[in-house]
Amino acid sequence: MNPVVDKLKQYPIAVFGTLILILCLGAGFMRGGVIAELSTHEAELVARLSTINENLKNSKDLEQQLSTLEGYISSIDERLFSRRARSINTAFFYSFEDKLDIFISDVSQLSAEDPALIKGGPHELKLYSGISYKISASGTFQEILGFIYEIYKADSLMRVVDLQLDVATGQSAVQGTFSARLRVIVLADKDK
């Protein structure tokens, strides 16, 4: 017989191992691009699985959280001013004259919205809108501070964004009286 075949018959395990090694190297070479692609795909799937598990953990008590948020929204909706109820809105500010010893000479609703709250502004309101009011009042320093505090603690959602305080002048001015001009923004229902 052939001496090469005799040698191969003499070491059958080495021959078999070499054949397996050659087949594995060939398969690895043929599938080298697929392995890198599958590794990338596996990493993406692991990241998605991690996100899904995190979402599952965060969704615990989701229905209870939703009902709580809906309660907050209805609470806010009850406290909104209506743009169409101009006289009621103005009367709201004049009602502070009865509560406090302050004289409110003018309450006017400004036609333009605050630039910070309009679409594209830094504090854009998506669900609601804002109504700006210019209020002129006079009283002592403590009375004006009391007025601002009453605005702060009112049920309606509002804030004083501008305040000018001057010593009252003129024939009817009393010693120690100040005149104040305030700009107040009130949260209102969305323009339609």
N, C-alpha and C. Protein backbone atom coordinates (compact mmCIF):
# COMPACT_ATOMS: atom_id res chain seq x y z
N MET A 1 0.80 -1.19 0.00
CA MET A 1 0.00 0.00 0.00
C MET A 1 0.84 1.25 0.00
N ASN A 2 0.15 2.31 0.01
CA ASN A 2 0.78 3.61 -0.02
C ASN A 2 1.31 3.93 1.38
N PRO A 3 2.55 4.46 1.48
CA PRO A 3 3.11 4.74 2.80
C PRO A 3 2.35 5.88 3.52
N VAL A 4 1.75 6.80 2.76
CA VAL A 4 1.02 7.91 3.40
C VAL A 4 -0.23 7.35 4.06
N VAL A 5 -0.91 6.45 3.36
CA VAL A 5 -2.14 5.89 3.91
C VAL A 5 -1.80 5.04 5.12
N ASP A 6 -0.65 4.36 5.10
CA ASP A 6 -0.23 3.55 6.24
C ASP A 6 0.00 4.44 7.46
N LYS A 7 0.63 5.57 7.24
CA LYS A 7 0.89 6.50 8.36
C LYS A 7 -0.42 7.03 8.90
N LEU A 8 -1.39 7.32 8.00
CA LEU A 8 -2.67 7.86 8.44
C LEU A 8 -3.42 6.80 9.25
N LYS A 9 -3.32 5.55 8.85
CA LYS A 9 -3.98 4.47 9.58
C LYS A 9 -3.33 4.27 10.94
N GLN A 10 -2.07 4.60 11.03
CA GLN A 10 -1.34 4.43 12.28
C GLN A 10 -1.79 5.45 13.33
N TYR A 11 -2.18 6.68 12.90
CA TYR A 11 -2.61 7.74 13.83
C TYR A 11 -4.04 8.22 13.47
N PRO A 12 -5.06 7.41 13.69
CA PRO A 12 -6.41 7.79 13.26
C PRO A 12 -6.98 8.97 14.05
N ILE A 13 -6.66 9.11 15.32
CA ILE A 13 -7.20 10.21 16.15
C ILE A 13 -6.61 11.54 15.69
N ALA A 14 -5.34 11.57 15.37
CA ALA A 14 -4.70 12.80 14.90
C ALA A 14 -5.28 13.21 13.55
N VAL A 15 -5.50 12.23 12.69
CA VAL A 15 -6.08 12.52 11.38
C VAL A 15 -7.49 13.07 11.54
N PHE A 16 -8.28 12.43 12.38
CA PHE A 16 -9.66 12.87 12.62
C PHE A 16 -9.68 14.28 13.23
N GLY A 17 -8.82 14.54 14.21
CA GLY A 17 -8.73 15.87 14.83
C GLY A 17 -8.32 16.93 13.83
N THR A 18 -7.38 16.60 12.93
CA THR A 18 -6.93 17.55 11.93
C THR A 18 -8.05 17.87 10.96
N LEU A 19 -8.81 16.84 10.55
CA LEU A 19 -9.95 17.08 9.67
C LEU A 19 -11.00 17.98 10.33
N ILE A 20 -11.28 17.74 11.59
CA ILE A 20 -12.25 18.56 12.33
C ILE A 20 -11.72 20.00 12.42
N LEU A 21 -10.43 20.14 12.69
CA LEU A 21 -9.83 21.47 12.79
C LEU A 21 -9.93 22.21 11.46
N ILE A 22 -9.67 21.54 10.37
CA ILE A 22 -9.75 22.17 9.04
C ILE A 22 -11.20 22.57 8.75
N LEU A 23 -12.17 21.72 9.09
CA LEU A 23 -13.58 22.04 8.87
C LEU A 23 -14.02 23.24 9.72
N CYS A 24 -13.57 23.28 10.98
CA CYS A 24 -13.92 24.41 11.86
C CYS A 24 -13.31 25.71 11.36
N LEU A 25 -12.05 25.66 10.92
CA LEU A 25 -11.41 26.87 10.39
C LEU A 25 -12.13 27.34 9.13
N GLY A 26 -12.52 26.42 8.28
CA GLY A 26 -13.25 26.78 7.05
C GLY A 26 -14.61 27.38 7.39
N ALA A 27 -15.32 26.78 8.33
CA ALA A 27 -16.64 27.32 8.71
C ALA A 27 -16.47 28.69 9.36
N GLY A 28 -15.47 28.86 10.21
CA GLY A 28 -15.21 30.15 10.85
C GLY A 28 -14.89 31.23 9.83
N PHE A 29 -14.09 30.85 8.81
CA PHE A 29 -13.73 31.80 7.77
C PHE A 29 -14.95 32.18 6.94
N MET A 30 -15.77 31.21 6.63
CA MET A 30 -16.96 31.44 5.81
C MET A 30 -18.00 32.29 6.56
N ARG A 31 -18.12 32.10 7.85
CA ARG A 31 -19.15 32.79 8.64
C ARG A 31 -18.59 33.94 9.47
N GLY A 32 -17.40 34.40 9.24
CA GLY A 32 -16.78 35.46 10.04
C GLY A 32 -17.60 36.74 10.06
N GLY A 33 -18.16 37.18 8.94
CA GLY A 33 -18.99 38.39 8.87
C GLY A 33 -20.31 38.22 9.60
N VAL A 34 -20.85 37.02 9.56
CA VAL A 34 -22.13 36.76 10.22
C VAL A 34 -21.97 36.82 11.74
N ILE A 35 -20.86 36.37 12.23
CA ILE A 35 -20.63 36.37 13.68
C ILE A 35 -20.59 37.81 14.20
N ALA A 36 -19.91 38.70 13.50
CA ALA A 36 -19.85 40.10 13.94
C ALA A 36 -21.25 40.73 13.88
N GLU A 37 -21.99 40.42 12.82
CA GLU A 37 -23.34 40.97 12.68
C GLU A 37 -24.25 40.42 13.78
N LEU A 38 -24.16 39.15 14.07
CA LEU A 38 -24.98 38.55 15.12
C LEU A 38 -24.60 39.08 16.50
N SER A 39 -23.33 39.37 16.72
CA SER A 39 -22.90 39.94 18.00
C SER A 39 -23.50 41.33 18.19
N THR A 40 -23.51 42.13 17.15
CA THR A 40 -24.12 43.47 17.21
C THR A 40 -25.61 43.36 17.47
N HIS A 41 -26.27 42.44 16.77
CA HIS A 41 -27.71 42.24 16.94
C HIS A 41 -28.02 41.77 18.37
N GLU A 42 -27.17 40.90 18.89
CA GLU A 42 -27.36 40.42 20.28
C GLU A 42 -27.24 41.57 21.28
N ALA A 43 -26.27 42.46 21.07
CA ALA A 43 -26.10 43.61 21.96
C ALA A 43 -27.33 44.52 21.91
N GLU A 44 -27.89 44.74 20.70
CA GLU A 44 -29.11 45.54 20.58
C GLU A 44 -30.28 44.89 21.31
N LEU A 45 -30.42 43.58 21.16
CA LEU A 45 -31.52 42.87 21.82
C LEU A 45 -31.37 42.90 23.34
N VAL A 46 -30.16 42.80 23.83
CA VAL A 46 -29.93 42.87 25.27
C VAL A 46 -30.30 44.26 25.79
N ALA A 47 -29.95 45.31 25.03
CA ALA A 47 -30.30 46.68 25.43
C ALA A 47 -31.82 46.87 25.43
N ARG A 48 -32.51 46.35 24.41
CA ARG A 48 -33.97 46.45 24.37
C ARG A 48 -34.61 45.68 25.51
N LEU A 49 -34.07 44.51 25.82
CA LEU A 49 -34.60 43.71 26.94
C LEU A 49 -34.42 44.46 28.25
N SER A 50 -33.29 45.12 28.41
CA SER A 50 -33.05 45.91 29.61
C SER A 50 -34.06 47.05 29.72
N THR A 51 -34.35 47.72 28.59
CA THR A 51 -35.34 48.79 28.58
C THR A 51 -36.72 48.27 28.91
N ILE A 52 -37.07 47.13 28.35
CA ILE A 52 -38.39 46.52 28.63
C ILE A 52 -38.50 46.17 30.11
N ASN A 53 -37.45 45.59 30.68
CA ASN A 53 -37.50 45.24 32.10
C ASN A 53 -37.62 46.49 32.97
N GLU A 54 -36.93 47.57 32.59
CA GLU A 54 -37.01 48.82 33.34
C GLU A 54 -38.42 49.41 33.22
N ASN A 55 -39.00 49.35 32.02
CA ASN A 55 -40.37 49.84 31.84
C ASN A 55 -41.38 49.02 32.65
N LEU A 56 -41.17 47.72 32.71
CA LEU A 56 -42.05 46.87 33.52
C LEU A 56 -41.98 47.27 34.99
N LYS A 57 -40.76 47.52 35.45
CA LYS A 57 -40.58 47.92 36.84
C LYS A 57 -41.23 49.28 37.10
N ASN A 58 -41.09 50.22 36.16
CA ASN A 58 -41.66 51.56 36.33
C ASN A 58 -43.17 51.59 36.16
N SER A 59 -43.74 50.60 35.49
CA SER A 59 -45.18 50.60 35.26
C SER A 59 -45.96 50.03 36.43
N LYS A 60 -45.29 49.68 37.48
CA LYS A 60 -45.98 49.18 38.67
C LYS A 60 -46.89 50.28 39.20
N ASP A 61 -48.12 49.96 39.51
CA ASP A 61 -49.13 50.89 40.02
C ASP A 61 -49.42 52.01 39.03
N LEU A 62 -49.31 51.72 37.74
CA LEU A 62 -49.51 52.74 36.71
C LEU A 62 -50.95 53.25 36.70
N GLU A 63 -51.92 52.36 36.89
CA GLU A 63 -53.32 52.78 36.89
C GLU A 63 -53.61 53.70 38.07
N GLN A 64 -53.02 53.40 39.21
CA GLN A 64 -53.21 54.25 40.39
C GLN A 64 -52.56 55.62 40.15
N GLN A 65 -51.38 55.63 39.55
CA GLN A 65 -50.71 56.90 39.24
C GLN A 65 -51.53 57.71 38.23
N LEU A 66 -52.13 57.03 37.26
CA LEU A 66 -52.96 57.70 36.26
C LEU A 66 -54.17 58.34 36.91
N SER A 67 -54.83 57.62 37.81
CA SER A 67 -56.00 58.20 38.48
C SER A 67 -55.60 59.38 39.36
N THR A 68 -54.42 59.32 39.98
CA THR A 68 -53.93 60.45 40.79
C THR A 68 -53.68 61.66 39.90
N LEU A 69 -53.04 61.44 38.73
CA LEU A 69 -52.79 62.54 37.80
C LEU A 69 -54.09 63.14 37.27
N GLU A 70 -55.07 62.29 36.99
CA GLU A 70 -56.36 62.80 36.52
C GLU A 70 -57.03 63.63 37.61
N GLY A 71 -56.85 63.26 38.87
CA GLY A 71 -57.37 64.06 39.99
C GLY A 71 -56.69 65.42 40.04
N TYR A 72 -55.38 65.44 39.82
CA TYR A 72 -54.65 66.72 39.80
C TYR A 72 -55.15 67.60 38.66
N ILE A 73 -55.35 67.00 37.50
CA ILE A 73 -55.81 67.76 36.34
C ILE A 73 -57.20 68.34 36.59
N SER A 74 -58.09 67.55 37.17
CA SER A 74 -59.43 68.08 37.44
C SER A 74 -59.36 69.18 38.50
N SER A 75 -58.45 69.05 39.47
CA SER A 75 -58.26 70.10 40.47
C SER A 75 -57.77 71.39 39.82
N ILE A 76 -56.86 71.27 38.87
CA ILE A 76 -56.37 72.45 38.14
C ILE A 76 -57.49 73.05 37.30
N ASP A 77 -58.25 72.19 36.60
CA ASP A 77 -59.32 72.68 35.74
C ASP A 77 -60.37 73.47 36.52
N GLU A 78 -60.63 73.09 37.76
CA GLU A 78 -61.60 73.80 38.59
C GLU A 78 -61.11 75.20 38.95
N ARG A 79 -59.82 75.39 38.96
CA ARG A 79 -59.24 76.65 39.42
C ARG A 79 -58.89 77.61 38.28
N LEU A 80 -59.18 77.23 37.05
CA LEU A 80 -58.83 78.05 35.89
C LEU A 80 -59.78 79.23 35.72
N PHE A 81 -59.26 80.32 35.20
CA PHE A 81 -60.09 81.44 34.77
C PHE A 81 -60.61 81.11 33.38
N SER A 82 -61.73 81.69 33.04
CA SER A 82 -62.27 81.55 31.69
C SER A 82 -62.03 82.85 30.94
N ARG A 83 -61.49 82.76 29.75
CA ARG A 83 -61.22 83.96 28.96
C ARG A 83 -62.51 84.70 28.60
N ARG A 84 -63.60 83.97 28.46
CA ARG A 84 -64.86 84.58 28.06
C ARG A 84 -65.57 85.27 29.22
N ALA A 85 -65.19 85.00 30.46
CA ALA A 85 -65.85 85.60 31.63
C ALA A 85 -65.05 86.80 32.13
N ARG A 86 -64.91 87.79 31.28
CA ARG A 86 -64.09 88.95 31.61
C ARG A 86 -64.57 89.69 32.83
N SER A 87 -65.86 89.90 32.95
CA SER A 87 -66.38 90.66 34.08
C SER A 87 -66.21 89.90 35.39
N ILE A 88 -66.40 88.60 35.35
CA ILE A 88 -66.21 87.79 36.56
C ILE A 88 -64.74 87.81 36.97
N ASN A 89 -63.85 87.72 35.99
CA ASN A 89 -62.42 87.75 36.28
C ASN A 89 -62.01 89.08 36.89
N THR A 90 -62.52 90.16 36.33
CA THR A 90 -62.19 91.49 36.85
C THR A 90 -62.76 91.67 38.26
N ALA A 91 -63.99 91.20 38.47
CA ALA A 91 -64.62 91.31 39.79
C ALA A 91 -63.84 90.53 40.84
N PHE A 92 -63.18 89.46 40.42
CA PHE A 92 -62.36 88.68 41.36
C PHE A 92 -61.31 89.58 42.01
N PHE A 93 -60.63 90.38 41.21
CA PHE A 93 -59.58 91.25 41.76
C PHE A 93 -60.17 92.39 42.60
N TYR A 94 -61.32 92.93 42.16
CA TYR A 94 -61.95 93.99 42.94
C TYR A 94 -62.47 93.48 44.29
N SER A 95 -62.73 92.19 44.38
CA SER A 95 -63.22 91.63 45.64
C SER A 95 -62.19 91.73 46.76
N PHE A 96 -60.93 91.94 46.42
CA PHE A 96 -59.90 92.08 47.45
C PHE A 96 -60.04 93.40 48.21
N GLU A 97 -60.74 94.37 47.61
CA GLU A 97 -60.97 95.63 48.32
C GLU A 97 -61.78 95.39 49.58
N ASP A 98 -62.74 94.48 49.52
CA ASP A 98 -63.57 94.18 50.69
C ASP A 98 -62.79 93.42 51.76
N LYS A 99 -61.92 92.52 51.34
CA LYS A 99 -61.14 91.72 52.29
C LYS A 99 -60.04 92.54 52.94
N LEU A 100 -59.42 93.40 52.17
CA LEU A 100 -58.28 94.18 52.64
C LEU A 100 -58.65 95.66 52.63
N ASP A 101 -57.91 96.44 53.33
CA ASP A 101 -58.15 97.88 53.32
C ASP A 101 -57.27 98.52 52.25
N ILE A 102 -57.58 98.16 51.00
CA ILE A 102 -56.79 98.63 49.88
C ILE A 102 -57.75 99.19 48.83
N PHE A 103 -57.31 100.18 48.08
CA PHE A 103 -58.14 100.76 47.03
C PHE A 103 -57.58 100.33 45.68
N ILE A 104 -58.41 99.63 44.89
CA ILE A 104 -58.01 99.19 43.56
C ILE A 104 -58.69 100.12 42.57
N SER A 105 -57.89 100.90 41.86
CA SER A 105 -58.44 101.91 40.95
C SER A 105 -58.68 101.37 39.54
N ASP A 106 -57.94 100.34 39.15
CA ASP A 106 -58.10 99.84 37.78
C ASP A 106 -57.64 98.39 37.69
N VAL A 107 -58.46 97.59 37.02
CA VAL A 107 -58.08 96.22 36.66
C VAL A 107 -58.38 96.08 35.19
N SER A 108 -57.37 95.85 34.39
CA SER A 108 -57.60 95.69 32.96
C SER A 108 -56.92 94.42 32.46
N GLN A 109 -57.70 93.69 31.66
CA GLN A 109 -57.17 92.47 31.07
C GLN A 109 -56.43 92.85 29.81
N LEU A 110 -55.17 92.46 29.73
CA LEU A 110 -54.35 92.81 28.56
C LEU A 110 -54.70 91.87 27.41
N SER A 111 -54.72 92.42 26.22
CA SER A 111 -55.11 91.62 25.06
C SER A 111 -54.03 90.63 24.64
N ALA A 112 -52.78 91.01 24.82
CA ALA A 112 -51.68 90.14 24.40
C ALA A 112 -51.27 89.21 25.54
N GLU A 113 -50.95 87.98 25.17
CA GLU A 113 -50.47 87.03 26.16
C GLU A 113 -49.01 87.33 26.49
N ASP A 114 -48.58 86.84 27.62
CA ASP A 114 -47.18 87.02 28.03
C ASP A 114 -46.29 86.30 27.02
N PRO A 115 -45.25 86.95 26.50
CA PRO A 115 -44.39 86.33 25.48
C PRO A 115 -43.70 85.05 25.95
N ALA A 116 -43.49 84.92 27.24
CA ALA A 116 -42.83 83.71 27.75
C ALA A 116 -43.75 82.51 27.69
N LEU A 117 -45.07 82.73 27.64
CA LEU A 117 -46.04 81.63 27.69
C LEU A 117 -46.59 81.23 26.33
N ILE A 118 -46.35 82.04 25.31
CA ILE A 118 -46.92 81.73 24.00
C ILE A 118 -46.14 80.60 23.32
N LYS A 119 -46.68 80.12 22.23
CA LYS A 119 -46.04 79.03 21.49
C LYS A 119 -44.64 79.44 21.07
N GLY A 120 -43.68 78.62 21.41
CA GLY A 120 -42.28 78.89 21.10
C GLY A 120 -41.56 79.66 22.19
N GLY A 121 -42.29 80.11 23.21
CA GLY A 121 -41.68 80.84 24.32
C GLY A 121 -40.97 79.89 25.27
N PRO A 122 -40.17 80.41 26.19
CA PRO A 122 -39.42 79.54 27.09
C PRO A 122 -40.29 78.76 28.07
N HIS A 123 -41.49 79.27 28.36
CA HIS A 123 -42.40 78.58 29.29
C HIS A 123 -43.73 78.32 28.59
N GLU A 124 -43.66 77.81 27.40
CA GLU A 124 -44.85 77.58 26.57
C GLU A 124 -45.86 76.72 27.30
N LEU A 125 -47.11 77.18 27.31
CA LEU A 125 -48.20 76.41 27.92
C LEU A 125 -48.87 75.59 26.82
N LYS A 126 -48.89 74.27 27.00
CA LYS A 126 -49.47 73.41 25.99
C LYS A 126 -50.93 73.09 26.29
N LEU A 127 -51.27 72.85 27.55
CA LEU A 127 -52.63 72.46 27.91
C LEU A 127 -53.50 73.64 28.32
N TYR A 128 -52.87 74.74 28.73
CA TYR A 128 -53.60 75.88 29.24
C TYR A 128 -53.09 77.14 28.55
N SER A 129 -53.68 78.27 28.93
CA SER A 129 -53.19 79.55 28.43
C SER A 129 -53.10 80.49 29.62
N GLY A 130 -52.52 81.64 29.41
CA GLY A 130 -52.38 82.61 30.48
C GLY A 130 -53.09 83.90 30.12
N ILE A 131 -53.69 84.54 31.12
CA ILE A 131 -54.31 85.84 30.93
C ILE A 131 -53.51 86.83 31.75
N SER A 132 -53.13 87.94 31.12
CA SER A 132 -52.38 88.97 31.83
C SER A 132 -53.32 90.09 32.26
N TYR A 133 -53.13 90.56 33.49
CA TYR A 133 -53.91 91.67 34.03
C TYR A 133 -52.97 92.75 34.51
N LYS A 134 -53.39 93.99 34.28
CA LYS A 134 -52.68 95.14 34.82
C LYS A 134 -53.57 95.70 35.92
N ILE A 135 -53.05 95.79 37.14
CA ILE A 135 -53.84 96.23 38.29
C ILE A 135 -53.16 97.45 38.90
N SER A 136 -53.95 98.48 39.15
CA SER A 136 -53.47 99.68 39.84
C SER A 136 -54.17 99.73 41.19
N ALA A 137 -53.38 99.85 42.25
CA ALA A 137 -53.94 99.87 43.60
C ALA A 137 -53.17 100.87 44.43
N SER A 138 -53.79 101.29 45.56
CA SER A 138 -53.09 102.18 46.47
C SER A 138 -53.45 101.79 47.90
N GLY A 139 -52.50 102.00 48.79
CA GLY A 139 -52.66 101.67 50.20
C GLY A 139 -51.31 101.79 50.88
N THR A 140 -51.29 101.41 52.15
CA THR A 140 -50.02 101.43 52.87
C THR A 140 -49.15 100.29 52.36
N PHE A 141 -47.91 100.32 52.75
CA PHE A 141 -46.98 99.27 52.32
C PHE A 141 -47.48 97.90 52.78
N GLN A 142 -47.94 97.81 54.03
CA GLN A 142 -48.43 96.55 54.55
C GLN A 142 -49.69 96.08 53.80
N GLU A 143 -50.57 97.02 53.44
CA GLU A 143 -51.78 96.66 52.71
C GLU A 143 -51.44 96.13 51.32
N ILE A 144 -50.48 96.75 50.68
CA ILE A 144 -50.08 96.28 49.35
C ILE A 144 -49.41 94.91 49.45
N LEU A 145 -48.57 94.73 50.46
CA LEU A 145 -47.98 93.39 50.67
C LEU A 145 -49.06 92.36 50.98
N GLY A 146 -50.06 92.75 51.75
CA GLY A 146 -51.19 91.85 52.04
C GLY A 146 -51.93 91.49 50.77
N PHE A 147 -52.11 92.44 49.87
CA PHE A 147 -52.76 92.20 48.59
C PHE A 147 -51.97 91.20 47.76
N ILE A 148 -50.67 91.39 47.69
CA ILE A 148 -49.82 90.46 46.93
C ILE A 148 -49.87 89.07 47.56
N TYR A 149 -49.89 89.01 48.89
CA TYR A 149 -49.96 87.72 49.57
C TYR A 149 -51.31 87.04 49.28
N GLU A 150 -52.39 87.80 49.26
CA GLU A 150 -53.71 87.22 48.95
C GLU A 150 -53.74 86.68 47.52
N ILE A 151 -53.09 87.38 46.60
CA ILE A 151 -52.99 86.87 45.23
C ILE A 151 -52.20 85.56 45.23
N TYR A 152 -51.14 85.53 46.01
CA TYR A 152 -50.30 84.33 46.09
C TYR A 152 -51.07 83.13 46.61
N LYS A 153 -51.90 83.33 47.64
CA LYS A 153 -52.58 82.18 48.26
C LYS A 153 -53.98 81.93 47.72
N ALA A 154 -54.40 82.67 46.70
CA ALA A 154 -55.72 82.48 46.11
C ALA A 154 -55.83 81.09 45.49
N ASP A 155 -57.07 80.61 45.40
CA ASP A 155 -57.31 79.30 44.78
C ASP A 155 -56.91 79.27 43.31
N SER A 156 -57.16 80.36 42.63
CA SER A 156 -56.79 80.42 41.22
C SER A 156 -55.27 80.41 41.10
N LEU A 157 -54.80 79.85 40.02
CA LEU A 157 -53.36 79.74 39.80
C LEU A 157 -52.87 81.01 39.13
N MET A 158 -52.20 81.86 39.90
CA MET A 158 -51.73 83.13 39.38
C MET A 158 -50.44 83.53 40.06
N ARG A 159 -49.75 84.46 39.40
CA ARG A 159 -48.52 84.98 39.99
C ARG A 159 -48.32 86.42 39.55
N VAL A 160 -47.67 87.17 40.42
CA VAL A 160 -47.31 88.55 40.11
C VAL A 160 -45.99 88.52 39.37
N VAL A 161 -45.97 89.05 38.15
CA VAL A 161 -44.74 89.02 37.35
C VAL A 161 -44.06 90.37 37.27
N ASP A 162 -44.79 91.42 37.65
CA ASP A 162 -44.20 92.75 37.58
C ASP A 162 -44.85 93.62 38.65
N LEU A 163 -44.04 94.40 39.35
CA LEU A 163 -44.54 95.26 40.42
C LEU A 163 -43.77 96.58 40.38
N GLN A 164 -44.52 97.66 40.36
CA GLN A 164 -43.93 98.99 40.48
C GLN A 164 -44.60 99.66 41.67
N LEU A 165 -43.81 100.13 42.58
CA LEU A 165 -44.31 100.73 43.81
C LEU A 165 -43.76 102.15 43.92
N ASP A 166 -44.68 103.11 44.06
CA ASP A 166 -44.29 104.51 44.17
C ASP A 166 -45.01 105.14 45.36
N VAL A 167 -44.42 106.18 45.90
CA VAL A 167 -45.09 106.94 46.95
C VAL A 167 -46.23 107.70 46.30
N ALA A 168 -47.43 107.61 46.91
CA ALA A 168 -48.60 108.27 46.35
C ALA A 168 -48.40 109.77 46.39
N THR A 169 -48.76 110.44 45.31
CA THR A 169 -48.64 111.90 45.23
C THR A 169 -49.98 112.48 44.80
N GLY A 170 -50.14 113.74 44.99
CA GLY A 170 -51.37 114.42 44.59
C GLY A 170 -52.08 114.99 45.81
N GLN A 171 -53.18 115.71 45.56
CA GLN A 171 -53.91 116.37 46.63
C GLN A 171 -54.62 115.38 47.54
N SER A 172 -55.11 114.27 46.98
CA SER A 172 -55.86 113.31 47.80
C SER A 172 -54.95 112.26 48.43
N ALA A 173 -53.66 112.33 48.21
CA ALA A 173 -52.73 111.33 48.75
C ALA A 173 -52.56 111.52 50.25
N VAL A 174 -52.58 110.43 50.97
CA VAL A 174 -52.40 110.42 52.41
C VAL A 174 -50.94 110.07 52.70
N GLN A 175 -50.41 110.66 53.76
CA GLN A 175 -49.03 110.39 54.17
C GLN A 175 -48.84 108.88 54.40
N GLY A 176 -47.78 108.31 53.86
CA GLY A 176 -47.47 106.89 54.05
C GLY A 176 -48.22 105.98 53.10
N THR A 177 -48.89 106.54 52.09
CA THR A 177 -49.63 105.75 51.13
C THR A 177 -48.78 105.54 49.88
N PHE A 178 -48.89 104.37 49.32
CA PHE A 178 -48.15 104.02 48.11
C PHE A 178 -49.13 103.69 47.00
N SER A 179 -48.70 103.91 45.78
CA SER A 179 -49.48 103.43 44.63
C SER A 179 -48.67 102.30 44.00
N ALA A 180 -49.40 101.26 43.65
CA ALA A 180 -48.75 100.06 43.09
C ALA A 180 -49.37 99.74 41.75
N ARG A 181 -48.52 99.34 40.82
CA ARG A 181 -48.97 98.84 39.53
C ARG A 181 -48.41 97.42 39.41
N LEU A 182 -49.32 96.48 39.27
CA LEU A 182 -48.93 95.07 39.20
C LEU A 182 -49.33 94.49 37.85
N ARG A 183 -48.56 93.56 37.39
CA ARG A 183 -48.96 92.73 36.26
C ARG A 183 -49.05 91.32 36.78
N VAL A 184 -50.24 90.74 36.63
CA VAL A 184 -50.52 89.41 37.17
C VAL A 184 -50.87 88.50 36.00
N ILE A 185 -50.31 87.30 36.02
CA ILE A 185 -50.65 86.29 35.01
C ILE A 185 -51.47 85.20 35.70
N VAL A 186 -52.61 84.88 35.10
CA VAL A 186 -53.53 83.89 35.65
C VAL A 186 -53.62 82.73 34.67
N LEU A 187 -53.59 81.51 35.18
CA LEU A 187 -53.74 80.32 34.34
C LEU A 187 -55.20 80.21 33.92
N ALA A 188 -55.44 80.04 32.62
CA ALA A 188 -56.79 80.01 32.09
C ALA A 188 -56.97 78.81 31.16
N ASP A 189 -58.24 78.58 30.79
CA ASP A 189 -58.51 77.50 29.86
C ASP A 189 -57.86 77.81 28.51
N LYS A 190 -57.60 76.78 27.75
CA LYS A 190 -56.87 76.91 26.48
C LYS A 190 -57.73 77.65 25.47
N ASP A 191 -57.09 78.55 24.72
CA ASP A 191 -57.78 79.24 23.63
C ASP A 191 -58.23 78.22 22.61
N LYS A 192 -59.38 78.45 22.07
CA LYS A 192 -59.88 77.50 21.07
C LYS A 192 -59.92 78.11 19.71
